[in-house]
N, C-alpha and C. Protein backbone atom coordinates (compact mmCIF):
# COMPACT_ATOMS: atom_id res chain seq x y z
N MET A 1 97.79 114.19 123.99
CA MET A 1 98.49 114.79 122.85
C MET A 1 99.36 113.74 122.16
N PRO A 2 99.18 113.54 120.85
CA PRO A 2 100.02 112.57 120.15
C PRO A 2 101.51 112.94 120.25
N LYS A 3 102.33 111.92 120.32
CA LYS A 3 103.77 112.12 120.42
C LYS A 3 104.36 112.11 119.00
N LYS A 4 105.08 113.19 118.65
CA LYS A 4 105.70 113.27 117.32
C LYS A 4 106.95 112.39 117.30
N LEU A 5 106.97 111.45 116.35
CA LEU A 5 108.09 110.53 116.21
C LEU A 5 109.07 110.95 115.14
N LEU A 6 108.57 111.49 114.04
CA LEU A 6 109.43 111.98 112.96
C LEU A 6 108.81 113.28 112.42
N ASP A 7 109.69 114.21 112.09
CA ASP A 7 109.23 115.46 111.49
C ASP A 7 109.49 115.43 109.98
N SER A 8 109.22 116.52 109.32
CA SER A 8 109.34 116.62 107.87
C SER A 8 110.74 116.29 107.38
N LYS A 9 111.76 116.86 108.03
CA LYS A 9 113.15 116.62 107.60
C LYS A 9 113.53 115.15 107.78
N GLU A 10 113.09 114.54 108.89
CA GLU A 10 113.43 113.15 109.15
C GLU A 10 112.71 112.22 108.13
N ILE A 11 111.49 112.55 107.79
CA ILE A 11 110.78 111.76 106.76
C ILE A 11 111.49 111.88 105.43
N ASP A 12 111.93 113.07 105.06
CA ASP A 12 112.63 113.26 103.80
C ASP A 12 113.96 112.47 103.78
N ARG A 13 114.72 112.54 104.87
CA ARG A 13 115.98 111.77 104.95
C ARG A 13 115.70 110.25 104.85
N THR A 14 114.65 109.82 105.51
CA THR A 14 114.29 108.40 105.48
C THR A 14 113.95 107.96 104.07
N LEU A 15 113.18 108.76 103.34
CA LEU A 15 112.81 108.42 101.97
C LEU A 15 114.05 108.45 101.05
N THR A 16 114.97 109.36 101.30
CA THR A 16 116.22 109.38 100.53
C THR A 16 116.99 108.09 100.74
N ARG A 17 117.08 107.65 101.98
CA ARG A 17 117.80 106.40 102.28
C ARG A 17 117.13 105.21 101.61
N ILE A 18 115.81 105.13 101.72
CA ILE A 18 115.08 104.03 101.07
C ILE A 18 115.29 104.05 99.56
N SER A 19 115.29 105.21 98.95
CA SER A 19 115.48 105.29 97.49
C SER A 19 116.86 104.76 97.09
N HIS A 20 117.89 105.06 97.88
CA HIS A 20 119.23 104.53 97.61
C HIS A 20 119.24 103.00 97.77
N GLU A 21 118.57 102.49 98.81
CA GLU A 21 118.52 101.05 99.04
C GLU A 21 117.81 100.34 97.89
N ILE A 22 116.74 100.93 97.38
CA ILE A 22 116.01 100.33 96.25
C ILE A 22 116.92 100.23 95.01
N ILE A 23 117.63 101.31 94.72
CA ILE A 23 118.53 101.31 93.56
C ILE A 23 119.63 100.27 93.74
N GLU A 24 120.21 100.23 94.94
CA GLU A 24 121.30 99.28 95.19
C GLU A 24 120.83 97.82 95.09
N ARG A 25 119.74 97.49 95.75
CA ARG A 25 119.26 96.11 95.76
C ARG A 25 118.85 95.64 94.37
N ASN A 26 118.31 96.57 93.55
CA ASN A 26 117.85 96.20 92.22
C ASN A 26 118.88 96.45 91.14
N LYS A 27 120.08 96.83 91.55
CA LYS A 27 121.19 97.08 90.62
C LYS A 27 120.78 98.07 89.52
N GLY A 28 120.20 99.18 89.96
CA GLY A 28 119.73 100.20 89.03
C GLY A 28 118.21 100.28 89.03
N THR A 29 117.69 100.85 87.96
CA THR A 29 116.24 101.07 87.91
C THR A 29 115.56 100.40 86.73
N GLU A 30 116.30 99.64 85.96
CA GLU A 30 115.69 98.99 84.80
C GLU A 30 114.60 98.02 85.22
N GLY A 31 113.41 98.19 84.61
CA GLY A 31 112.29 97.31 84.90
C GLY A 31 111.60 97.58 86.24
N LEU A 32 111.99 98.65 86.90
CA LEU A 32 111.46 98.97 88.23
C LEU A 32 110.17 99.79 88.12
N CYS A 33 109.21 99.49 88.97
CA CYS A 33 108.02 100.32 89.12
C CYS A 33 107.61 100.33 90.57
N LEU A 34 106.94 101.38 90.97
CA LEU A 34 106.48 101.54 92.34
C LEU A 34 104.94 101.53 92.35
N VAL A 35 104.38 100.83 93.32
CA VAL A 35 102.92 100.75 93.45
C VAL A 35 102.56 101.14 94.87
N GLY A 36 101.92 102.28 95.01
CA GLY A 36 101.51 102.76 96.32
C GLY A 36 100.12 102.26 96.68
N ILE A 37 99.99 101.82 97.93
CA ILE A 37 98.68 101.41 98.43
C ILE A 37 97.91 102.66 98.85
N GLN A 38 96.68 102.78 98.36
CA GLN A 38 95.85 103.94 98.69
C GLN A 38 95.75 104.07 100.21
N ARG A 39 95.94 105.13 100.77
CA ARG A 39 96.17 106.50 100.44
C ARG A 39 97.64 106.88 100.62
N GLY A 40 98.13 106.80 101.83
CA GLY A 40 99.48 107.29 102.11
C GLY A 40 100.56 106.64 101.31
N GLY A 41 100.40 105.40 100.93
CA GLY A 41 101.41 104.72 100.15
C GLY A 41 101.60 105.30 98.77
N VAL A 42 100.53 105.86 98.22
CA VAL A 42 100.61 106.48 96.89
C VAL A 42 101.50 107.71 96.92
N HIS A 43 101.27 108.56 97.91
CA HIS A 43 102.10 109.78 98.04
C HIS A 43 103.56 109.41 98.26
N LEU A 44 103.81 108.42 99.08
CA LEU A 44 105.19 108.02 99.35
C LEU A 44 105.83 107.40 98.12
N ALA A 45 105.07 106.63 97.33
CA ALA A 45 105.62 106.04 96.09
C ALA A 45 106.00 107.16 95.11
N GLU A 46 105.18 108.19 95.01
CA GLU A 46 105.51 109.30 94.13
C GLU A 46 106.76 110.03 94.59
N ARG A 47 106.89 110.23 95.91
CA ARG A 47 108.11 110.88 96.42
C ARG A 47 109.34 110.01 96.17
N LEU A 48 109.21 108.70 96.39
CA LEU A 48 110.35 107.81 96.17
C LEU A 48 110.76 107.81 94.70
N ALA A 49 109.80 107.83 93.79
CA ALA A 49 110.12 107.84 92.35
C ALA A 49 110.93 109.08 92.00
N LYS A 50 110.56 110.23 92.56
CA LYS A 50 111.32 111.46 92.31
C LYS A 50 112.72 111.36 92.88
N LYS A 51 112.85 110.81 94.07
CA LYS A 51 114.17 110.69 94.69
C LYS A 51 115.05 109.70 93.92
N ILE A 52 114.47 108.61 93.45
CA ILE A 52 115.24 107.63 92.68
C ILE A 52 115.73 108.26 91.40
N LYS A 53 114.85 108.98 90.70
CA LYS A 53 115.27 109.65 89.45
C LYS A 53 116.36 110.68 89.73
N GLY A 54 116.25 111.40 90.83
CA GLY A 54 117.26 112.40 91.19
C GLY A 54 118.57 111.79 91.60
N THR A 55 118.54 110.55 92.09
CA THR A 55 119.75 109.86 92.56
C THR A 55 120.48 109.16 91.44
N ASP A 56 119.70 108.52 90.56
CA ASP A 56 120.28 107.71 89.48
C ASP A 56 120.11 108.47 88.17
N ALA A 57 121.14 109.21 87.78
CA ALA A 57 121.07 110.06 86.58
C ALA A 57 120.77 109.27 85.32
N SER A 58 121.11 107.99 85.31
CA SER A 58 120.88 107.19 84.11
C SER A 58 119.43 106.69 84.00
N SER A 59 118.65 106.89 85.05
CA SER A 59 117.30 106.34 85.04
C SER A 59 116.31 107.28 84.34
N SER A 60 115.34 106.67 83.72
CA SER A 60 114.22 107.45 83.17
C SER A 60 113.18 107.56 84.29
N ASP A 61 112.03 108.11 83.98
CA ASP A 61 111.00 108.22 85.00
C ASP A 61 110.62 106.82 85.48
N ILE A 62 110.45 106.70 86.80
CA ILE A 62 110.03 105.45 87.39
C ILE A 62 108.50 105.44 87.37
N PRO A 63 107.89 104.45 86.72
CA PRO A 63 106.42 104.43 86.70
C PRO A 63 105.87 104.20 88.11
N VAL A 64 104.79 104.93 88.41
CA VAL A 64 104.15 104.82 89.72
C VAL A 64 102.68 104.52 89.51
N GLY A 65 102.19 103.52 90.20
CA GLY A 65 100.78 103.16 90.17
C GLY A 65 100.18 103.31 91.55
N SER A 66 98.86 103.40 91.58
CA SER A 66 98.16 103.42 92.85
C SER A 66 97.21 102.25 92.91
N LEU A 67 97.11 101.63 94.08
CA LEU A 67 96.37 100.40 94.22
C LEU A 67 95.33 100.52 95.34
N ASP A 68 94.09 100.25 94.98
CA ASP A 68 93.02 100.16 95.99
C ASP A 68 92.85 98.70 96.31
N ILE A 69 93.05 98.34 97.57
CA ILE A 69 92.98 96.92 97.97
C ILE A 69 91.66 96.57 98.66
N SER A 70 90.71 97.49 98.65
CA SER A 70 89.46 97.32 99.40
C SER A 70 88.80 95.96 99.19
N PHE A 71 88.68 95.52 97.94
CA PHE A 71 87.97 94.29 97.67
C PHE A 71 88.86 93.04 97.76
N TYR A 72 90.13 93.24 98.10
CA TYR A 72 91.03 92.12 98.32
C TYR A 72 91.26 91.83 99.80
N ARG A 73 90.73 92.70 100.65
CA ARG A 73 90.93 92.56 102.08
C ARG A 73 90.17 91.34 102.62
N ASP A 74 90.72 90.70 103.64
CA ASP A 74 90.05 89.55 104.21
C ASP A 74 88.99 89.93 105.25
N ASP A 75 88.85 91.23 105.53
CA ASP A 75 87.82 91.67 106.48
C ASP A 75 86.67 92.39 105.79
N ILE A 76 86.52 92.20 104.48
CA ILE A 76 85.51 92.92 103.72
C ILE A 76 84.09 92.61 104.21
N ARG A 77 83.90 91.41 104.75
CA ARG A 77 82.55 91.04 105.25
C ARG A 77 82.18 91.78 106.52
N ILE A 78 83.16 92.21 107.29
CA ILE A 78 82.86 92.87 108.58
C ILE A 78 83.15 94.35 108.53
N ARG A 79 83.69 94.84 107.44
CA ARG A 79 84.06 96.25 107.35
C ARG A 79 83.65 96.80 106.00
N GLN A 80 82.90 97.86 106.00
CA GLN A 80 82.49 98.49 104.74
C GLN A 80 83.72 99.15 104.10
N PRO A 81 84.10 98.73 102.90
CA PRO A 81 85.31 99.31 102.30
C PRO A 81 85.12 100.76 101.86
N ALA A 82 86.12 101.56 102.10
CA ALA A 82 86.17 102.93 101.57
C ALA A 82 86.93 102.84 100.26
N VAL A 83 86.20 102.77 99.17
CA VAL A 83 86.80 102.47 97.88
C VAL A 83 87.51 103.70 97.32
N SER A 84 88.75 103.49 96.88
CA SER A 84 89.55 104.50 96.21
C SER A 84 89.77 104.05 94.78
N ARG A 85 90.69 104.69 94.11
CA ARG A 85 90.93 104.38 92.71
C ARG A 85 92.23 103.58 92.54
N THR A 86 92.18 102.57 91.69
CA THR A 86 93.39 101.89 91.27
C THR A 86 93.77 102.50 89.92
N ASP A 87 95.04 102.89 89.82
CA ASP A 87 95.53 103.46 88.57
C ASP A 87 96.90 102.86 88.29
N MET A 88 96.94 101.92 87.36
CA MET A 88 98.19 101.25 87.00
C MET A 88 98.47 101.56 85.53
N PRO A 89 99.19 102.65 85.25
CA PRO A 89 99.44 103.05 83.86
C PRO A 89 100.56 102.28 83.20
N PHE A 90 100.82 101.07 83.68
CA PHE A 90 101.88 100.22 83.11
C PHE A 90 101.50 98.78 83.38
N ASP A 91 102.13 97.88 82.67
CA ASP A 91 101.93 96.46 82.85
C ASP A 91 102.93 95.94 83.88
N VAL A 92 102.49 95.15 84.84
CA VAL A 92 103.41 94.63 85.87
C VAL A 92 104.15 93.38 85.39
N GLU A 93 103.70 92.80 84.31
CA GLU A 93 104.29 91.57 83.78
C GLU A 93 105.81 91.72 83.60
N GLY A 94 106.57 90.86 84.28
CA GLY A 94 108.02 90.84 84.14
C GLY A 94 108.77 91.99 84.81
N ARG A 95 108.08 92.87 85.50
CA ARG A 95 108.71 94.03 86.13
C ARG A 95 109.11 93.74 87.57
N LYS A 96 109.98 94.59 88.09
CA LYS A 96 110.34 94.59 89.51
C LYS A 96 109.38 95.56 90.19
N VAL A 97 108.44 95.02 90.93
CA VAL A 97 107.39 95.83 91.56
C VAL A 97 107.75 96.07 93.03
N VAL A 98 107.79 97.32 93.41
CA VAL A 98 108.00 97.68 94.81
C VAL A 98 106.67 98.24 95.33
N ILE A 99 106.02 97.49 96.22
CA ILE A 99 104.80 97.96 96.88
C ILE A 99 105.21 98.93 97.96
N VAL A 100 104.54 100.07 98.03
CA VAL A 100 104.86 101.12 98.99
C VAL A 100 103.66 101.38 99.89
N ASP A 101 103.89 101.37 101.20
CA ASP A 101 102.83 101.70 102.15
C ASP A 101 103.39 102.57 103.24
N ASP A 102 102.50 103.30 103.93
CA ASP A 102 102.99 104.19 104.98
C ASP A 102 103.27 103.42 106.27
N VAL A 103 102.32 102.60 106.75
CA VAL A 103 102.48 101.90 108.01
C VAL A 103 102.27 100.41 107.77
N PHE A 104 103.21 99.60 108.23
CA PHE A 104 103.16 98.14 108.13
C PHE A 104 102.80 97.61 109.50
N PHE A 105 101.70 96.88 109.60
CA PHE A 105 101.21 96.43 110.89
C PHE A 105 101.05 94.91 110.88
N THR A 106 99.89 94.39 110.56
CA THR A 106 99.64 92.95 110.64
C THR A 106 100.13 92.19 109.41
N GLY A 107 100.25 92.87 108.28
CA GLY A 107 100.63 92.23 107.02
C GLY A 107 99.43 91.92 106.14
N ARG A 108 98.23 92.11 106.65
CA ARG A 108 97.03 91.79 105.87
C ARG A 108 96.83 92.72 104.68
N SER A 109 97.13 93.99 104.83
CA SER A 109 97.02 94.93 103.70
C SER A 109 98.01 94.56 102.60
N ILE A 110 99.21 94.17 103.01
CA ILE A 110 100.24 93.81 102.04
C ILE A 110 99.84 92.54 101.30
N ARG A 111 99.30 91.57 102.02
CA ARG A 111 98.82 90.34 101.37
C ARG A 111 97.74 90.68 100.34
N ALA A 112 96.83 91.58 100.70
CA ALA A 112 95.78 92.00 99.77
C ALA A 112 96.39 92.70 98.55
N ALA A 113 97.40 93.53 98.77
CA ALA A 113 98.07 94.22 97.67
C ALA A 113 98.75 93.23 96.73
N MET A 114 99.40 92.21 97.30
CA MET A 114 100.06 91.20 96.46
C MET A 114 99.03 90.45 95.63
N ASP A 115 97.90 90.11 96.23
CA ASP A 115 96.84 89.43 95.48
C ASP A 115 96.35 90.29 94.32
N ALA A 116 96.15 91.58 94.58
CA ALA A 116 95.69 92.49 93.54
C ALA A 116 96.70 92.60 92.40
N ILE A 117 97.98 92.69 92.75
CA ILE A 117 99.02 92.80 91.72
C ILE A 117 99.10 91.52 90.90
N MET A 118 99.02 90.37 91.56
CA MET A 118 99.08 89.10 90.84
C MET A 118 97.91 88.93 89.88
N ASP A 119 96.78 89.52 90.19
CA ASP A 119 95.64 89.49 89.27
C ASP A 119 95.90 90.30 88.01
N MET A 120 96.88 91.21 88.07
CA MET A 120 97.21 92.07 86.93
C MET A 120 98.31 91.49 86.05
N GLY A 121 99.00 90.49 86.52
CA GLY A 121 100.09 89.91 85.76
C GLY A 121 101.09 89.25 86.68
N ARG A 122 102.20 88.79 86.07
CA ARG A 122 103.21 88.11 86.86
C ARG A 122 104.50 88.94 86.85
N PRO A 123 104.74 89.67 87.96
CA PRO A 123 105.97 90.45 88.05
C PRO A 123 107.20 89.54 88.15
N ALA A 124 108.36 90.06 87.79
CA ALA A 124 109.62 89.33 87.97
C ALA A 124 109.87 89.14 89.44
N LEU A 125 109.57 90.16 90.24
CA LEU A 125 109.70 90.07 91.69
C LEU A 125 108.86 91.17 92.33
N VAL A 126 108.52 90.96 93.60
CA VAL A 126 107.75 91.92 94.35
C VAL A 126 108.50 92.20 95.64
N GLN A 127 108.71 93.49 95.91
CA GLN A 127 109.37 93.93 97.13
C GLN A 127 108.44 94.86 97.87
N LEU A 128 108.77 95.13 99.14
CA LEU A 128 107.92 95.99 99.97
C LEU A 128 108.76 97.06 100.63
N ALA A 129 108.30 98.31 100.47
CA ALA A 129 108.91 99.46 101.14
C ALA A 129 107.87 100.11 102.03
N VAL A 130 108.20 100.31 103.30
CA VAL A 130 107.28 100.95 104.23
C VAL A 130 108.00 102.06 104.97
N LEU A 131 107.28 103.11 105.26
CA LEU A 131 107.83 104.21 106.04
C LEU A 131 107.97 103.81 107.50
N VAL A 132 106.95 103.12 108.05
CA VAL A 132 106.97 102.70 109.45
C VAL A 132 106.57 101.24 109.56
N ASP A 133 107.36 100.48 110.31
CA ASP A 133 106.99 99.10 110.66
C ASP A 133 106.73 99.07 112.15
N ARG A 134 105.49 98.82 112.53
CA ARG A 134 105.14 98.84 113.94
C ARG A 134 105.02 97.46 114.56
N GLY A 135 105.38 96.41 113.79
CA GLY A 135 105.36 95.07 114.36
C GLY A 135 103.96 94.48 114.36
N HIS A 136 103.72 93.50 115.20
CA HIS A 136 102.41 92.85 115.39
C HIS A 136 101.96 92.05 114.17
N ARG A 137 102.91 91.41 113.49
CA ARG A 137 102.59 90.66 112.28
C ARG A 137 101.65 89.49 112.56
N GLU A 138 100.66 89.33 111.70
CA GLU A 138 99.77 88.17 111.73
C GLU A 138 100.01 87.24 110.59
N LEU A 139 100.76 87.68 109.60
CA LEU A 139 101.09 86.87 108.44
C LEU A 139 102.62 86.90 108.25
N PRO A 140 103.19 85.84 107.66
CA PRO A 140 104.64 85.77 107.50
C PRO A 140 105.15 86.65 106.34
N ILE A 141 105.03 87.95 106.52
CA ILE A 141 105.44 88.91 105.50
C ILE A 141 106.41 89.88 106.17
N ARG A 142 107.49 90.23 105.48
CA ARG A 142 108.42 91.24 106.03
C ARG A 142 108.75 92.25 104.96
N ALA A 143 109.10 93.44 105.41
CA ALA A 143 109.43 94.52 104.46
C ALA A 143 110.86 94.42 104.02
N ASP A 144 111.13 94.73 102.75
CA ASP A 144 112.49 94.78 102.23
C ASP A 144 113.16 96.09 102.58
N TYR A 145 112.36 97.16 102.67
CA TYR A 145 112.88 98.49 102.97
C TYR A 145 112.00 99.10 104.08
N VAL A 146 112.63 99.44 105.19
CA VAL A 146 111.90 100.00 106.33
C VAL A 146 112.50 101.35 106.68
N GLY A 147 111.64 102.36 106.73
CA GLY A 147 112.09 103.67 107.13
C GLY A 147 112.43 103.71 108.61
N LYS A 148 111.48 103.29 109.44
CA LYS A 148 111.69 103.32 110.88
C LYS A 148 110.86 102.21 111.52
N ASN A 149 111.49 101.45 112.42
CA ASN A 149 110.78 100.48 113.23
C ASN A 149 110.28 101.21 114.47
N ILE A 150 108.98 101.15 114.69
CA ILE A 150 108.38 101.82 115.87
C ILE A 150 107.55 100.77 116.60
N PRO A 151 108.12 100.12 117.61
CA PRO A 151 107.34 99.14 118.37
C PRO A 151 106.19 99.84 119.08
N THR A 152 105.01 99.24 118.98
CA THR A 152 103.83 99.83 119.61
C THR A 152 103.08 98.77 120.38
N SER A 153 102.20 99.22 121.25
CA SER A 153 101.28 98.29 121.90
C SER A 153 100.08 98.13 120.99
N GLY A 154 99.28 97.12 121.23
CA GLY A 154 98.11 96.89 120.40
C GLY A 154 97.11 98.03 120.45
N GLY A 155 97.08 98.78 121.55
CA GLY A 155 96.14 99.88 121.68
C GLY A 155 96.59 101.19 121.09
N GLU A 156 97.85 101.26 120.71
CA GLU A 156 98.37 102.50 120.12
C GLU A 156 98.15 102.50 118.62
N ARG A 157 98.28 103.70 118.05
CA ARG A 157 98.10 103.87 116.61
C ARG A 157 99.23 104.77 116.10
N VAL A 158 99.70 104.48 114.91
CA VAL A 158 100.69 105.34 114.27
C VAL A 158 99.99 106.13 113.18
N GLU A 159 100.09 107.44 113.27
CA GLU A 159 99.46 108.33 112.31
C GLU A 159 100.55 108.95 111.42
N VAL A 160 100.42 108.81 110.12
CA VAL A 160 101.32 109.43 109.18
C VAL A 160 100.56 110.58 108.53
N MET A 161 101.04 111.78 108.75
CA MET A 161 100.43 112.97 108.15
C MET A 161 101.34 113.44 107.02
N LEU A 162 100.76 113.72 105.86
CA LEU A 162 101.55 114.13 104.70
C LEU A 162 101.00 115.40 104.09
N GLU A 163 101.89 116.22 103.55
CA GLU A 163 101.48 117.50 102.99
C GLU A 163 100.50 117.32 101.82
N GLU A 164 100.60 116.20 101.11
CA GLU A 164 99.70 115.94 100.00
C GLU A 164 98.24 115.84 100.45
N ASP A 165 98.04 115.55 101.73
CA ASP A 165 96.69 115.48 102.30
C ASP A 165 96.34 116.75 103.07
N GLY A 166 97.16 117.80 102.91
CA GLY A 166 96.88 119.08 103.55
C GLY A 166 97.41 119.23 104.95
N HIS A 167 98.35 118.37 105.35
CA HIS A 167 98.95 118.43 106.68
C HIS A 167 100.44 118.75 106.56
N GLU A 168 101.04 119.15 107.67
CA GLU A 168 102.49 119.23 107.73
C GLU A 168 102.99 117.80 107.89
N ASP A 169 104.06 117.43 107.17
CA ASP A 169 104.61 116.07 107.28
C ASP A 169 104.96 115.77 108.73
N GLY A 170 104.57 114.59 109.17
CA GLY A 170 104.92 114.15 110.51
C GLY A 170 104.38 112.75 110.75
N ILE A 171 105.06 112.05 111.67
CA ILE A 171 104.60 110.73 112.09
C ILE A 171 104.39 110.85 113.60
N PHE A 172 103.21 110.37 114.04
CA PHE A 172 102.79 110.53 115.42
C PHE A 172 102.37 109.20 116.01
N LEU A 173 102.61 109.04 117.29
CA LEU A 173 102.14 107.89 118.05
C LEU A 173 100.94 108.38 118.87
N VAL A 174 99.79 107.74 118.64
CA VAL A 174 98.57 108.11 119.31
C VAL A 174 98.21 107.00 120.30
N SER A 175 97.95 107.39 121.53
CA SER A 175 97.61 106.39 122.56
C SER A 175 96.16 105.95 122.40
N ALA A 176 95.81 104.87 123.10
CA ALA A 176 94.45 104.34 123.06
C ALA A 176 93.43 105.38 123.53
N GLU A 177 93.78 106.15 124.54
CA GLU A 177 92.86 107.18 125.06
C GLU A 177 92.60 108.25 123.99
N GLU A 178 93.63 108.66 123.29
CA GLU A 178 93.49 109.69 122.26
C GLU A 178 92.67 109.16 121.09
N LYS A 179 92.82 107.87 120.77
CA LYS A 179 92.02 107.26 119.71
C LYS A 179 90.53 107.36 120.06
N GLU A 180 90.21 107.08 121.32
CA GLU A 180 88.81 107.11 121.76
C GLU A 180 88.24 108.51 121.70
N ASP A 181 89.09 109.53 121.88
CA ASP A 181 88.64 110.93 121.81
C ASP A 181 88.41 111.38 120.36
N GLY A 182 88.79 110.51 119.39
CA GLY A 182 88.58 110.84 117.99
C GLY A 182 89.66 111.73 117.41
N GLN A 183 90.80 111.84 118.06
CA GLN A 183 91.88 112.66 117.56
C GLN A 183 92.66 111.89 116.51
N GLY A 184 93.41 112.61 115.71
CA GLY A 184 94.31 111.98 114.74
C GLY A 184 93.73 111.96 113.32
N GLY A 185 94.58 111.68 112.37
CA GLY A 185 94.21 111.63 110.97
C GLY A 185 94.10 110.19 110.53
N HIS A 186 94.72 109.85 109.37
CA HIS A 186 94.66 108.48 108.95
C HIS A 186 95.91 107.76 109.40
N GLY A 187 95.83 106.49 109.50
CA GLY A 187 96.94 105.67 109.97
C GLY A 187 96.44 104.26 110.14
N HIS A 188 97.16 103.46 110.89
CA HIS A 188 96.78 102.07 111.01
C HIS A 188 96.72 101.69 112.48
N ALA A 189 95.58 101.18 112.84
CA ALA A 189 95.39 100.72 114.21
C ALA A 189 95.90 99.31 114.33
């Protein structure tokens, strides 16, 4: 049975804290945009944009984009990509771009996301917000905003379930044995 690490209320509080940190570090919301990595990162970016707007009364809507990194991944030769949609309804040129993802693991997805964004233009700066950082970095990348650090073994998996995907919000730790049984939703091994 997967172990529940965070429930709906804890995820909401975590996103509220991250939204405050983003406003503080960027000295407001001017020039700010959020880019969620398909899938879970997109839902979290949309939630963060709502929280930022609700927190900073002077801000207008925060633009949110979705990014499919399938063809930027360094494992594309050994893994058939599950292609999603990239939707960037704004120009990243000169903007403060916050990449949003659900689980931060090796850093390879984030590197792919940065490559994809740089192909679209030259942002003023790029920051990273993640709901869960589980360690095990393979690249020298670190998150600017971390919801929760959850140290894991290499055989464990962190599953982020979100209501936007038809689940009750929750973050779960799945053991290697449970992974083999085919249990769990999406997440990062």
